[in-house]
Protein backbone atom coordinates (compact mmCIF):
# COMPACT_ATOMS: atom_id res chain seq x y z
CA MET A 1 -2.38 18.62 -1.54
CA ASP A 2 -5.60 18.35 -3.54
CA PHE A 3 -6.59 15.43 -5.79
CA LYS A 4 -5.50 17.13 -9.02
CA ASP A 5 -2.01 17.80 -7.62
CA GLN A 6 -1.73 14.23 -6.33
CA ILE A 7 -2.61 12.84 -9.77
CA LYS A 8 -0.11 15.15 -11.46
CA GLN A 9 2.63 14.14 -9.02
CA PHE A 10 1.73 10.46 -9.51
CA SER A 11 1.87 10.87 -13.29
CA GLU A 12 5.34 12.36 -13.04
CA ARG A 13 6.41 9.46 -10.81
CA VAL A 14 5.11 6.90 -13.32
CA SER A 15 6.95 8.63 -16.17
CA LYS A 16 10.17 8.61 -14.16
CA LEU A 17 9.96 4.99 -12.93
CA LYS A 18 8.27 3.11 -15.80
CA ASP A 19 11.51 1.98 -17.49
CA ASN A 20 12.76 0.42 -14.24
CA ILE A 21 9.66 -1.66 -13.48
CA HIS A 22 10.08 -5.20 -14.82
CA THR A 23 7.77 -7.45 -12.79
CA GLU A 24 4.11 -7.66 -11.88
CA GLU A 25 4.90 -7.25 -8.19
CA ALA A 26 7.01 -4.15 -8.87
CA THR A 27 4.17 -2.70 -10.95
CA LYS A 28 1.71 -3.32 -8.12
CA ASN A 29 3.99 -1.75 -5.50
CA ALA A 30 5.15 1.23 -7.54
CA PHE A 31 1.96 2.13 -9.43
CA ILE A 32 -1.22 0.27 -8.49
CA MET A 33 -1.15 0.54 -4.70
CA PRO A 34 -0.14 4.22 -4.66
CA PHE A 35 -2.89 4.98 -7.21
CA LEU A 36 -5.50 3.23 -5.07
CA GLN A 37 -4.26 5.25 -2.07
CA ILE A 38 -4.73 8.49 -4.04
CA LEU A 39 -8.30 7.35 -4.74
CA GLY A 40 -8.81 7.06 -0.99
CA TYR A 41 -8.49 3.32 -0.39
CA ASP A 42 -6.54 1.90 2.54
CA VAL A 43 -4.51 -0.69 0.60
CA PHE A 44 -3.42 -2.35 3.84
CA ASN A 45 -6.98 -2.93 5.03
CA PRO A 46 -8.33 -6.28 3.74
CA MET A 47 -11.87 -4.95 4.15
CA GLU A 48 -11.13 -2.42 1.39
CA VAL A 49 -8.57 -4.03 -0.93
CA VAL A 50 -8.10 -7.78 -1.28
CA PRO A 51 -5.02 -9.07 -3.15
CA GLU A 52 -5.41 -12.20 -5.30
CA PHE A 53 -9.20 -12.20 -4.92
CA ILE A 54 -10.87 -15.09 -6.77
CA CYS A 55 -13.73 -13.74 -8.85
CA ASP A 56 -15.90 -15.65 -11.31
CA ILE A 57 -16.69 -13.47 -14.30
CA GLY A 58 -18.02 -14.52 -17.69
CA ILE A 59 -16.43 -17.79 -18.80
CA LYS A 60 -13.48 -17.30 -16.44
CA LYS A 61 -14.11 -19.33 -13.29
CA GLY A 62 -11.71 -19.31 -10.37
CA GLU A 63 -9.50 -16.61 -11.93
CA LYS A 64 -7.60 -14.39 -9.53
CA ASN A 65 -8.10 -10.66 -9.56
CA ARG A 66 -4.80 -9.03 -8.71
CA LEU A 67 -6.45 -6.44 -6.46
CA CYS A 68 -10.12 -6.15 -5.68
CA ASN A 69 -11.45 -3.02 -4.05
CA ILE A 70 -14.48 -3.87 -2.01
CA PRO A 71 -16.66 -1.40 -0.29
CA GLY A 72 -19.07 -4.33 0.04
CA TRP A 73 -18.91 -5.62 -3.55
CA CYS A 74 -16.38 -7.10 -5.93
CA SER A 75 -16.07 -4.48 -8.65
CA ASN A 76 -15.46 -6.99 -11.46
CA CYS A 77 -18.22 -9.49 -10.84
CA ALA A 78 -20.65 -7.50 -8.68
CA ARG A 79 -20.68 -10.35 -6.16
CA ARG A 80 -21.69 -9.37 -2.66
CA MET A 81 -18.86 -9.79 -0.17
């Protein structure tokens, strides 16, 4: 299945499930992690995706990023890992 088909299928899944998702954890499991997988990330590899990553950005210090994808850098604060 090519990328376009995967995104279309994912979009249909989101439309079908969105009314049944009531928590942050459910959102992460049903939508965020599958979307990152479509983009090619191994969500179970801590070298690629780090849950609850602490990232200092702007005036927010010590705030947790829910998921940080790192191919060497934190995408929100551009801090070298």
